[in-house]
Amino acid sequence: MIINIQSKTQVERDFAYLTDAIANGTHTQVFHEGDIIEIAGIEHVIIGMDVEPGFAHSMTIQRRNKVDDYVFAYNGRADYETSDIRSFLDGTYTTEFPEEFLEAVSPVTIDGMKTEDRFFLLSSSDLDPETTKYPYYRKRENRIKIDREGYLTWWWLRDPLTGYSHSPRLVLPSGSVSYYTAYYSYGVAPACILGNR
């Protein structure tokens, strides 16, 4: 599989080049937070490197722009573990990618859940410049996503507004973090981790 890398220069590389660089720890010399990696025609942005606990080396990437709108949870609850959006990421969403990429994505436990996910939504603390482990999100403007038509858009986060079991957080077109009712449809910008433990 060939990937397109947009950094200071635009380069095409074999996907093995990326996974080998992560495995041997040279990825931080070759790639940078904010670089765009196109995988199967889908642009992903590098949001962090070697920031994931339990990994010798890792690269966390997130879909650069949103996937189409999806309901967070048809039952109206802001519980990510049982949400419809999580089921979508674990099922239908994976069909967009070649097996070579899916095999390189490391399953991780999110927020103490009993299962591991390959693709996941970020949380509001992941976007907070004061608490984020992801260097890319130390700049608020990096929260802004666009849809397929190029319009600024809303996108879901995984955590609920404190004290509101029906209101997951989301990012507004301005980049501000807010919340809305779980049975509405908004954008999805999944993240995943490439790495070795």
N, C-alpha and C. Protein backbone atom coordinates (compact mmCIF):
# COMPACT_ATOMS: atom_id res chain seq x y z
N MET A 1 0.85 -1.17 0.00
CA MET A 1 0.00 0.00 0.00
C MET A 1 0.90 1.24 0.00
N ILE A 2 0.60 2.17 -0.86
CA ILE A 2 1.34 3.43 -0.96
C ILE A 2 0.59 4.48 -0.14
N ILE A 3 1.35 5.27 0.63
CA ILE A 3 0.75 6.38 1.37
C ILE A 3 1.37 7.68 0.87
N ASN A 4 0.61 8.73 0.96
CA ASN A 4 1.09 10.05 0.56
C ASN A 4 1.33 10.85 1.84
N ILE A 5 2.52 11.41 2.00
CA ILE A 5 2.88 12.16 3.20
C ILE A 5 3.05 13.61 2.83
N GLN A 6 2.32 14.50 3.50
CA GLN A 6 2.45 15.93 3.27
C GLN A 6 3.11 16.54 4.50
N SER A 7 4.37 16.86 4.35
CA SER A 7 5.11 17.51 5.41
C SER A 7 5.67 18.79 4.79
N LYS A 8 6.92 19.06 5.01
CA LYS A 8 7.52 20.22 4.34
C LYS A 8 7.61 19.97 2.85
N THR A 9 7.69 18.70 2.50
CA THR A 9 7.65 18.30 1.09
C THR A 9 6.61 17.20 0.97
N GLN A 10 6.13 16.98 -0.22
CA GLN A 10 5.14 15.93 -0.44
C GLN A 10 5.86 14.70 -0.98
N VAL A 11 5.67 13.56 -0.31
CA VAL A 11 6.40 12.35 -0.65
C VAL A 11 5.45 11.17 -0.67
N GLU A 12 5.66 10.26 -1.61
CA GLU A 12 4.94 8.99 -1.60
C GLU A 12 5.87 7.94 -1.05
N ARG A 13 5.36 7.13 -0.14
CA ARG A 13 6.14 6.06 0.47
C ARG A 13 5.29 4.81 0.58
N ASP A 14 5.94 3.70 0.73
CA ASP A 14 5.27 2.45 1.03
C ASP A 14 4.83 2.51 2.50
N PHE A 15 3.69 1.91 2.82
CA PHE A 15 3.20 1.93 4.19
C PHE A 15 4.20 1.28 5.15
N ALA A 16 4.95 0.31 4.66
CA ALA A 16 5.97 -0.35 5.50
C ALA A 16 7.02 0.65 5.97
N TYR A 17 7.30 1.69 5.19
CA TYR A 17 8.24 2.73 5.59
C TYR A 17 7.77 3.39 6.88
N LEU A 18 6.48 3.69 6.95
CA LEU A 18 5.90 4.32 8.14
C LEU A 18 5.96 3.38 9.34
N THR A 19 5.49 2.15 9.17
CA THR A 19 5.46 1.22 10.30
C THR A 19 6.87 0.84 10.76
N ASP A 20 7.82 0.73 9.83
CA ASP A 20 9.20 0.45 10.22
C ASP A 20 9.80 1.61 11.01
N ALA A 21 9.52 2.83 10.58
CA ALA A 21 10.03 4.01 11.29
C ALA A 21 9.48 4.07 12.72
N ILE A 22 8.21 3.72 12.90
CA ILE A 22 7.63 3.69 14.25
C ILE A 22 8.28 2.58 15.06
N ALA A 23 8.42 1.41 14.48
CA ALA A 23 8.99 0.26 15.19
C ALA A 23 10.41 0.51 15.67
N ASN A 24 11.22 1.17 14.84
CA ASN A 24 12.61 1.39 15.26
C ASN A 24 12.84 2.75 15.92
N GLY A 25 11.77 3.53 16.11
CA GLY A 25 11.88 4.78 16.85
C GLY A 25 12.42 5.95 16.06
N THR A 26 12.56 5.83 14.74
CA THR A 26 13.06 6.95 13.94
C THR A 26 11.93 7.84 13.42
N HIS A 27 10.69 7.49 13.70
CA HIS A 27 9.55 8.26 13.19
C HIS A 27 9.57 9.71 13.65
N THR A 28 10.09 9.97 14.84
CA THR A 28 10.12 11.35 15.35
C THR A 28 11.16 12.21 14.63
N GLN A 29 12.07 11.57 13.90
CA GLN A 29 13.05 12.31 13.12
C GLN A 29 12.55 12.59 11.71
N VAL A 30 11.57 11.80 11.27
CA VAL A 30 11.08 11.88 9.90
C VAL A 30 9.73 12.61 9.81
N PHE A 31 8.88 12.40 10.80
CA PHE A 31 7.53 12.96 10.80
C PHE A 31 7.38 14.00 11.90
N HIS A 32 6.32 14.81 11.79
CA HIS A 32 6.06 15.87 12.77
C HIS A 32 4.56 15.94 13.06
N GLU A 33 4.23 16.39 14.27
CA GLU A 33 2.82 16.63 14.55
C GLU A 33 2.29 17.64 13.55
N GLY A 34 1.12 17.36 13.00
CA GLY A 34 0.53 18.23 11.98
C GLY A 34 0.77 17.75 10.56
N ASP A 35 1.71 16.82 10.37
CA ASP A 35 1.91 16.24 9.04
C ASP A 35 0.65 15.48 8.64
N ILE A 36 0.37 15.47 7.35
CA ILE A 36 -0.80 14.78 6.81
C ILE A 36 -0.33 13.48 6.16
N ILE A 37 -1.00 12.40 6.52
CA ILE A 37 -0.71 11.09 5.92
C ILE A 37 -1.99 10.61 5.26
N GLU A 38 -1.93 10.38 3.97
CA GLU A 38 -3.10 9.90 3.23
C GLU A 38 -3.05 8.38 3.13
N ILE A 39 -4.04 7.74 3.72
CA ILE A 39 -4.12 6.28 3.74
C ILE A 39 -5.42 5.87 3.07
N ALA A 40 -5.34 5.09 2.02
CA ALA A 40 -6.51 4.64 1.26
C ALA A 40 -7.36 5.84 0.80
N GLY A 41 -6.68 6.91 0.41
CA GLY A 41 -7.37 8.10 -0.08
C GLY A 41 -7.98 8.97 1.01
N ILE A 42 -7.74 8.64 2.29
CA ILE A 42 -8.31 9.38 3.42
C ILE A 42 -7.17 10.09 4.16
N GLU A 43 -7.30 11.40 4.31
CA GLU A 43 -6.25 12.17 4.98
C GLU A 43 -6.37 12.05 6.49
N HIS A 44 -5.23 11.78 7.12
CA HIS A 44 -5.11 11.73 8.58
C HIS A 44 -4.03 12.71 9.00
N VAL A 45 -4.19 13.33 10.15
CA VAL A 45 -3.19 14.24 10.68
C VAL A 45 -2.50 13.55 11.87
N ILE A 46 -1.20 13.74 11.96
CA ILE A 46 -0.46 13.21 13.12
C ILE A 46 -0.74 14.17 14.29
N ILE A 47 -1.34 13.65 15.36
CA ILE A 47 -1.64 14.51 16.51
C ILE A 47 -0.67 14.29 17.67
N GLY A 48 0.07 13.18 17.65
CA GLY A 48 1.05 12.93 18.71
C GLY A 48 1.95 11.76 18.37
N MET A 49 3.17 11.80 18.92
CA MET A 49 4.11 10.69 18.74
C MET A 49 4.73 10.36 20.09
N ASP A 50 4.78 9.07 20.37
CA ASP A 50 5.35 8.56 21.62
C ASP A 50 4.70 9.17 22.86
N VAL A 51 3.38 9.39 22.79
CA VAL A 51 2.66 9.96 23.94
C VAL A 51 1.69 8.96 24.57
N GLU A 52 1.55 7.78 23.97
CA GLU A 52 0.59 6.81 24.47
C GLU A 52 1.22 5.90 25.52
N PRO A 53 0.60 5.79 26.70
CA PRO A 53 1.16 4.91 27.73
C PRO A 53 1.13 3.45 27.27
N GLY A 54 2.15 2.70 27.66
CA GLY A 54 2.21 1.29 27.32
C GLY A 54 2.83 0.98 25.97
N PHE A 55 3.25 1.99 25.24
CA PHE A 55 3.85 1.78 23.92
C PHE A 55 5.33 2.17 23.97
N ALA A 56 6.19 1.34 23.37
CA ALA A 56 7.59 1.71 23.23
C ALA A 56 7.69 2.90 22.28
N HIS A 57 7.00 2.79 21.15
CA HIS A 57 6.94 3.88 20.17
C HIS A 57 5.53 3.89 19.59
N SER A 58 5.03 5.09 19.33
CA SER A 58 3.68 5.18 18.77
C SER A 58 3.51 6.45 17.97
N MET A 59 2.52 6.40 17.09
CA MET A 59 2.08 7.58 16.34
C MET A 59 0.55 7.58 16.41
N THR A 60 -0.01 8.64 16.96
CA THR A 60 -1.46 8.76 17.03
C THR A 60 -1.90 9.65 15.89
N ILE A 61 -2.80 9.13 15.08
CA ILE A 61 -3.31 9.89 13.94
C ILE A 61 -4.83 10.03 14.07
N GLN A 62 -5.35 11.08 13.47
CA GLN A 62 -6.78 11.33 13.49
C GLN A 62 -7.22 11.72 12.09
N ARG A 63 -8.40 11.29 11.75
CA ARG A 63 -8.95 11.68 10.45
C ARG A 63 -8.94 13.21 10.38
N ARG A 64 -8.39 13.73 9.31
CA ARG A 64 -8.21 15.19 9.21
C ARG A 64 -9.53 15.93 9.18
N ASN A 65 -10.47 15.41 8.43
CA ASN A 65 -11.79 16.02 8.36
C ASN A 65 -12.83 14.99 8.72
N LYS A 66 -14.01 15.43 8.91
CA LYS A 66 -15.02 14.53 9.46
C LYS A 66 -15.52 13.50 8.46
N VAL A 67 -15.96 12.37 9.02
CA VAL A 67 -16.73 11.39 8.27
C VAL A 67 -18.14 11.98 8.23
N ASP A 68 -19.01 11.42 7.46
CA ASP A 68 -20.39 11.90 7.43
C ASP A 68 -20.98 11.93 8.83
N ASP A 69 -22.13 12.59 8.97
CA ASP A 69 -22.79 12.72 10.27
C ASP A 69 -23.35 11.39 10.75
N TYR A 70 -23.22 11.14 12.06
CA TYR A 70 -23.76 9.94 12.68
C TYR A 70 -24.39 10.30 14.02
N VAL A 71 -25.42 9.57 14.37
CA VAL A 71 -26.06 9.73 15.67
C VAL A 71 -25.11 9.17 16.72
N PHE A 72 -24.93 9.90 17.82
CA PHE A 72 -24.08 9.40 18.89
C PHE A 72 -24.69 8.15 19.50
N ALA A 73 -25.98 8.24 19.88
CA ALA A 73 -26.67 7.08 20.45
C ALA A 73 -28.16 7.22 20.23
N TYR A 74 -28.74 6.25 19.57
CA TYR A 74 -30.18 6.30 19.29
C TYR A 74 -31.02 6.26 20.57
N ASN A 75 -30.47 5.71 21.65
CA ASN A 75 -31.20 5.69 22.92
C ASN A 75 -31.10 7.02 23.66
N GLY A 76 -30.34 7.97 23.09
CA GLY A 76 -30.23 9.30 23.68
C GLY A 76 -29.27 9.40 24.85
N ARG A 77 -28.52 8.36 25.14
CA ARG A 77 -27.59 8.39 26.27
C ARG A 77 -26.17 8.72 25.80
N ALA A 78 -25.48 9.50 26.59
CA ALA A 78 -24.12 9.92 26.26
C ALA A 78 -23.09 8.96 26.86
N ASP A 79 -23.33 7.67 26.70
CA ASP A 79 -22.45 6.63 27.22
C ASP A 79 -21.65 6.06 26.04
N TYR A 80 -20.41 6.47 25.91
CA TYR A 80 -19.60 6.07 24.76
C TYR A 80 -19.48 4.56 24.63
N GLU A 81 -19.32 3.87 25.76
CA GLU A 81 -19.10 2.43 25.72
C GLU A 81 -20.24 1.68 25.03
N THR A 82 -21.48 2.14 25.21
CA THR A 82 -22.63 1.46 24.61
C THR A 82 -23.21 2.22 23.42
N SER A 83 -22.51 3.24 22.95
CA SER A 83 -23.04 4.13 21.91
C SER A 83 -23.07 3.48 20.53
N ASP A 84 -23.98 3.97 19.71
CA ASP A 84 -24.05 3.54 18.31
C ASP A 84 -22.84 4.02 17.52
N ILE A 85 -22.31 5.16 17.89
CA ILE A 85 -21.16 5.70 17.17
C ILE A 85 -19.93 4.82 17.38
N ARG A 86 -19.78 4.26 18.57
CA ARG A 86 -18.67 3.34 18.84
C ARG A 86 -18.85 2.06 18.03
N SER A 87 -20.06 1.56 17.93
CA SER A 87 -20.33 0.36 17.12
C SER A 87 -19.99 0.62 15.65
N PHE A 88 -20.32 1.81 15.16
CA PHE A 88 -19.99 2.19 13.79
C PHE A 88 -18.47 2.17 13.57
N LEU A 89 -17.71 2.75 14.51
CA LEU A 89 -16.26 2.82 14.37
C LEU A 89 -15.62 1.43 14.41
N ASP A 90 -16.22 0.54 15.16
CA ASP A 90 -15.69 -0.81 15.29
C ASP A 90 -16.15 -1.72 14.15
N GLY A 91 -17.14 -1.29 13.38
CA GLY A 91 -17.68 -2.12 12.32
C GLY A 91 -17.55 -1.51 10.95
N THR A 92 -18.60 -0.83 10.51
CA THR A 92 -18.67 -0.28 9.16
C THR A 92 -17.47 0.59 8.81
N TYR A 93 -17.01 1.40 9.74
CA TYR A 93 -15.91 2.32 9.46
C TYR A 93 -14.64 1.58 9.02
N THR A 94 -14.39 0.42 9.58
CA THR A 94 -13.16 -0.30 9.26
C THR A 94 -13.12 -0.79 7.81
N THR A 95 -14.28 -0.89 7.17
CA THR A 95 -14.32 -1.38 5.79
C THR A 95 -13.72 -0.38 4.80
N GLU A 96 -13.45 0.86 5.23
CA GLU A 96 -12.86 1.87 4.35
C GLU A 96 -11.37 1.66 4.13
N PHE A 97 -10.76 0.76 4.92
CA PHE A 97 -9.30 0.66 4.92
C PHE A 97 -8.82 -0.73 4.49
N PRO A 98 -7.61 -0.78 3.88
CA PRO A 98 -7.03 -2.07 3.52
C PRO A 98 -6.57 -2.83 4.77
N GLU A 99 -6.51 -4.12 4.64
CA GLU A 99 -6.13 -4.99 5.77
C GLU A 99 -4.75 -4.64 6.32
N GLU A 100 -3.84 -4.25 5.46
CA GLU A 100 -2.48 -3.89 5.89
C GLU A 100 -2.51 -2.77 6.92
N PHE A 101 -3.34 -1.78 6.69
CA PHE A 101 -3.47 -0.67 7.64
C PHE A 101 -4.15 -1.14 8.92
N LEU A 102 -5.25 -1.89 8.79
CA LEU A 102 -5.98 -2.34 9.97
C LEU A 102 -5.11 -3.20 10.87
N GLU A 103 -4.23 -4.01 10.28
CA GLU A 103 -3.33 -4.84 11.08
C GLU A 103 -2.31 -4.02 11.85
N ALA A 104 -1.99 -2.83 11.35
CA ALA A 104 -1.00 -1.97 12.01
C ALA A 104 -1.62 -1.11 13.12
N VAL A 105 -2.94 -0.98 13.12
CA VAL A 105 -3.61 -0.17 14.15
C VAL A 105 -3.66 -0.98 15.44
N SER A 106 -3.17 -0.39 16.52
CA SER A 106 -3.12 -1.07 17.81
C SER A 106 -4.41 -0.87 18.60
N PRO A 107 -5.07 -1.96 18.98
CA PRO A 107 -6.25 -1.83 19.83
C PRO A 107 -5.85 -1.28 21.21
N VAL A 108 -6.65 -0.39 21.74
CA VAL A 108 -6.38 0.21 23.05
C VAL A 108 -7.65 0.24 23.89
N THR A 109 -7.47 0.22 25.20
CA THR A 109 -8.58 0.37 26.13
C THR A 109 -8.83 1.86 26.32
N ILE A 110 -10.06 2.28 26.15
CA ILE A 110 -10.44 3.69 26.26
C ILE A 110 -11.17 3.91 27.57
N ASP A 111 -10.70 4.84 28.37
CA ASP A 111 -11.39 5.26 29.60
C ASP A 111 -11.79 4.08 30.50
N GLY A 112 -10.95 3.07 30.58
CA GLY A 112 -11.22 1.95 31.48
C GLY A 112 -12.33 1.01 31.04
N MET A 113 -12.75 1.08 29.77
CA MET A 113 -13.80 0.18 29.29
C MET A 113 -13.28 -1.26 29.30
N LYS A 114 -14.18 -2.20 29.22
CA LYS A 114 -13.82 -3.61 29.31
C LYS A 114 -13.31 -4.18 27.99
N THR A 115 -13.41 -3.43 26.91
CA THR A 115 -12.97 -3.90 25.60
C THR A 115 -11.95 -2.94 25.01
N GLU A 116 -11.31 -3.39 23.95
CA GLU A 116 -10.33 -2.55 23.25
C GLU A 116 -10.90 -2.11 21.91
N ASP A 117 -10.54 -0.92 21.50
CA ASP A 117 -10.99 -0.36 20.23
C ASP A 117 -9.79 -0.02 19.36
N ARG A 118 -9.94 -0.20 18.05
CA ARG A 118 -8.90 0.25 17.12
C ARG A 118 -9.09 1.72 16.78
N PHE A 119 -10.36 2.13 16.61
CA PHE A 119 -10.67 3.52 16.29
C PHE A 119 -11.52 4.08 17.41
N PHE A 120 -11.28 5.33 17.76
CA PHE A 120 -11.98 5.92 18.89
C PHE A 120 -12.14 7.43 18.70
N LEU A 121 -13.09 8.00 19.42
CA LEU A 121 -13.26 9.45 19.43
C LEU A 121 -12.37 10.04 20.52
N LEU A 122 -11.91 11.24 20.31
CA LEU A 122 -11.14 11.94 21.33
C LEU A 122 -12.08 12.45 22.42
N SER A 123 -11.50 12.85 23.54
CA SER A 123 -12.28 13.42 24.64
C SER A 123 -12.01 14.92 24.71
N SER A 124 -12.80 15.62 25.51
CA SER A 124 -12.59 17.07 25.64
C SER A 124 -11.23 17.37 26.28
N SER A 125 -10.75 16.51 27.18
CA SER A 125 -9.43 16.76 27.78
C SER A 125 -8.31 16.57 26.74
N ASP A 126 -8.55 15.76 25.71
CA ASP A 126 -7.57 15.60 24.63
C ASP A 126 -7.41 16.88 23.83
N LEU A 127 -8.41 17.75 23.86
CA LEU A 127 -8.37 18.99 23.10
C LEU A 127 -8.01 20.21 23.93
N ASP A 128 -7.97 20.05 25.25
CA ASP A 128 -7.67 21.16 26.15
C ASP A 128 -6.17 21.44 26.12
N PRO A 129 -5.75 22.65 25.70
CA PRO A 129 -4.32 22.94 25.61
C PRO A 129 -3.57 22.74 26.93
N GLU A 130 -4.28 22.83 28.06
CA GLU A 130 -3.64 22.67 29.37
C GLU A 130 -3.46 21.21 29.77
N THR A 131 -4.29 20.31 29.24
CA THR A 131 -4.26 18.91 29.70
C THR A 131 -3.94 17.90 28.59
N THR A 132 -3.94 18.32 27.36
CA THR A 132 -3.76 17.35 26.27
C THR A 132 -2.37 16.73 26.24
N LYS A 133 -2.33 15.45 25.88
CA LYS A 133 -1.05 14.80 25.64
C LYS A 133 -0.65 14.92 24.18
N TYR A 134 -1.57 15.47 23.37
CA TYR A 134 -1.33 15.57 21.93
C TYR A 134 -0.85 16.97 21.56
N PRO A 135 0.43 17.12 21.16
CA PRO A 135 0.96 18.44 20.81
C PRO A 135 0.13 19.18 19.76
N TYR A 136 -0.46 18.46 18.83
CA TYR A 136 -1.25 19.08 17.77
C TYR A 136 -2.39 19.91 18.34
N TYR A 137 -2.97 19.46 19.43
CA TYR A 137 -4.13 20.15 20.01
C TYR A 137 -3.77 21.21 21.04
N ARG A 138 -2.52 21.58 21.10
CA ARG A 138 -2.16 22.73 21.94
C ARG A 138 -2.56 24.04 21.24
N LYS A 139 -2.90 23.94 19.95
CA LYS A 139 -3.40 25.09 19.19
C LYS A 139 -4.90 24.89 18.96
N ARG A 140 -5.69 25.80 19.45
CA ARG A 140 -7.15 25.69 19.34
C ARG A 140 -7.63 25.61 17.89
N GLU A 141 -6.99 26.32 17.00
CA GLU A 141 -7.45 26.32 15.60
C GLU A 141 -7.36 24.94 14.96
N ASN A 142 -6.56 24.05 15.53
CA ASN A 142 -6.47 22.70 14.97
C ASN A 142 -7.71 21.86 15.26
N ARG A 143 -8.60 22.35 16.10
CA ARG A 143 -9.86 21.64 16.37
C ARG A 143 -10.86 21.77 15.22
N ILE A 144 -10.68 22.74 14.37
CA ILE A 144 -11.65 23.03 13.31
C ILE A 144 -11.57 21.96 12.22
N LYS A 145 -12.72 21.39 11.87
CA LYS A 145 -12.81 20.36 10.82
C LYS A 145 -13.77 20.85 9.73
N ILE A 146 -13.63 20.25 8.56
CA ILE A 146 -14.55 20.58 7.48
C ILE A 146 -15.25 19.32 7.00
N ASP A 147 -16.37 19.51 6.31
CA ASP A 147 -17.09 18.36 5.75
C ASP A 147 -16.66 18.15 4.31
N ARG A 148 -17.31 17.22 3.63
CA ARG A 148 -16.92 16.88 2.25
C ARG A 148 -17.07 18.05 1.28
N GLU A 149 -17.98 18.97 1.59
CA GLU A 149 -18.20 20.13 0.71
C GLU A 149 -17.29 21.30 1.05
N GLY A 150 -16.46 21.15 2.09
CA GLY A 150 -15.53 22.22 2.46
C GLY A 150 -16.07 23.19 3.48
N TYR A 151 -17.23 22.90 4.09
CA TYR A 151 -17.81 23.79 5.10
C TYR A 151 -17.33 23.41 6.50
N LEU A 152 -17.15 24.42 7.34
CA LEU A 152 -16.81 24.16 8.73
C LEU A 152 -17.93 23.35 9.37
N THR A 153 -17.56 22.44 10.29
CA THR A 153 -18.56 21.51 10.78
C THR A 153 -18.40 21.19 12.26
N TRP A 154 -19.44 20.58 12.81
CA TRP A 154 -19.46 20.09 14.19
C TRP A 154 -18.94 18.65 14.18
N TRP A 155 -18.29 18.22 15.28
CA TRP A 155 -17.87 16.82 15.38
C TRP A 155 -17.87 16.35 16.83
N TRP A 156 -18.29 15.08 17.00
CA TRP A 156 -18.47 14.49 18.32
C TRP A 156 -17.16 14.20 19.04
N LEU A 157 -17.20 14.35 20.37
CA LEU A 157 -16.18 13.83 21.27
C LEU A 157 -16.81 12.69 22.05
N ARG A 158 -16.04 11.93 22.81
CA ARG A 158 -16.61 10.74 23.46
C ARG A 158 -17.15 10.97 24.86
N ASP A 159 -16.76 12.06 25.52
CA ASP A 159 -17.16 12.23 26.92
C ASP A 159 -18.41 13.09 27.05
N PRO A 160 -19.24 12.80 28.08
CA PRO A 160 -20.45 13.59 28.29
C PRO A 160 -20.16 14.88 29.06
N LEU A 161 -21.06 15.80 28.95
CA LEU A 161 -21.02 16.99 29.79
C LEU A 161 -21.26 16.51 31.22
N THR A 162 -20.44 16.93 32.15
CA THR A 162 -20.55 16.48 33.54
C THR A 162 -21.95 16.73 34.08
N GLY A 163 -22.57 15.65 34.59
CA GLY A 163 -23.90 15.75 35.18
C GLY A 163 -25.05 15.63 34.19
N TYR A 164 -24.75 15.43 32.90
CA TYR A 164 -25.79 15.34 31.88
C TYR A 164 -25.63 14.04 31.10
N SER A 165 -26.41 13.04 31.44
CA SER A 165 -26.25 11.71 30.85
C SER A 165 -26.74 11.61 29.41
N HIS A 166 -27.34 12.67 28.89
CA HIS A 166 -27.84 12.64 27.50
C HIS A 166 -27.13 13.63 26.59
N SER A 167 -26.03 14.21 27.08
CA SER A 167 -25.36 15.27 26.32
C SER A 167 -23.87 15.03 26.15
N PRO A 168 -23.49 14.33 25.07
CA PRO A 168 -22.05 14.20 24.80
C PRO A 168 -21.46 15.53 24.34
N ARG A 169 -20.19 15.67 24.57
CA ARG A 169 -19.50 16.88 24.13
C ARG A 169 -19.24 16.80 22.63
N LEU A 170 -19.07 17.96 22.03
CA LEU A 170 -18.71 18.04 20.63
C LEU A 170 -17.95 19.33 20.37
N VAL A 171 -17.38 19.42 19.19
CA VAL A 171 -16.63 20.61 18.80
C VAL A 171 -17.46 21.38 17.78
N LEU A 172 -17.61 22.66 18.04
CA LEU A 172 -18.37 23.55 17.15
C LEU A 172 -17.51 23.95 15.94
N PRO A 173 -18.13 24.49 14.89
CA PRO A 173 -17.34 24.95 13.74
C PRO A 173 -16.27 25.98 14.09
N SER A 174 -16.45 26.71 15.19
CA SER A 174 -15.45 27.70 15.63
C SER A 174 -14.25 27.07 16.31
N GLY A 175 -14.37 25.78 16.68
CA GLY A 175 -13.31 25.11 17.43
C GLY A 175 -13.58 25.06 18.92
N SER A 176 -14.65 25.71 19.38
CA SER A 176 -15.02 25.66 20.79
C SER A 176 -15.63 24.31 21.13
N VAL A 177 -15.43 23.86 22.36
CA VAL A 177 -16.03 22.62 22.83
C VAL A 177 -17.36 22.94 23.49
N SER A 178 -18.39 22.20 23.12
CA SER A 178 -19.73 22.40 23.67
C SER A 178 -20.35 21.02 23.90
N TYR A 179 -21.66 20.92 23.83
CA TYR A 179 -22.37 19.65 24.00
C TYR A 179 -23.69 19.72 23.27
N TYR A 180 -24.27 18.54 23.03
CA TYR A 180 -25.59 18.49 22.41
C TYR A 180 -26.24 17.16 22.76
N THR A 181 -27.47 16.99 22.36
CA THR A 181 -28.22 15.79 22.68
C THR A 181 -27.72 14.61 21.85
N ALA A 182 -27.60 13.45 22.50
CA ALA A 182 -26.96 12.27 21.90
C ALA A 182 -27.68 11.71 20.68
N TYR A 183 -28.98 11.95 20.54
CA TYR A 183 -29.68 11.34 19.40
C TYR A 183 -29.66 12.22 18.15
N TYR A 184 -28.85 13.26 18.14
CA TYR A 184 -28.65 14.07 16.94
C TYR A 184 -27.45 13.55 16.16
N SER A 185 -27.38 13.91 14.88
CA SER A 185 -26.28 13.49 14.01
C SER A 185 -25.29 14.63 13.81
N TYR A 186 -24.02 14.33 14.11
CA TYR A 186 -22.93 15.27 13.84
C TYR A 186 -21.74 14.50 13.31
N GLY A 187 -20.69 15.20 12.97
CA GLY A 187 -19.53 14.58 12.34
C GLY A 187 -18.73 13.70 13.28
N VAL A 188 -17.91 12.86 12.67
CA VAL A 188 -17.05 11.94 13.39
C VAL A 188 -15.63 12.12 12.86
N ALA A 189 -14.66 12.30 13.75
CA ALA A 189 -13.25 12.42 13.36
C ALA A 189 -12.45 11.41 14.19
N PRO A 190 -12.49 10.13 13.80
CA PRO A 190 -11.86 9.08 14.60
C PRO A 190 -10.33 9.20 14.65
N ALA A 191 -9.78 8.70 15.75
CA ALA A 191 -8.34 8.61 15.92
C ALA A 191 -7.96 7.15 16.05
N CYS A 192 -6.68 6.86 15.87
CA CYS A 192 -6.16 5.52 16.09
C CYS A 192 -4.67 5.63 16.40
N ILE A 193 -4.12 4.52 16.88
CA ILE A 193 -2.72 4.49 17.26
C ILE A 193 -1.98 3.45 16.44
N LEU A 194 -0.89 3.88 15.84
CA LEU A 194 0.03 2.97 15.16
C LEU A 194 1.23 2.81 16.09
N GLY A 195 1.58 1.59 16.44
CA GLY A 195 2.71 1.45 17.35
C GLY A 195 2.93 0.04 17.83
N ASN A 196 3.99 -0.09 18.60
CA ASN A 196 4.33 -1.38 19.19
C ASN A 196 4.50 -1.22 20.69
N ARG A 197 4.01 -2.20 21.41
CA ARG A 197 4.09 -2.15 22.88
C ARG A 197 5.37 -2.77 23.38
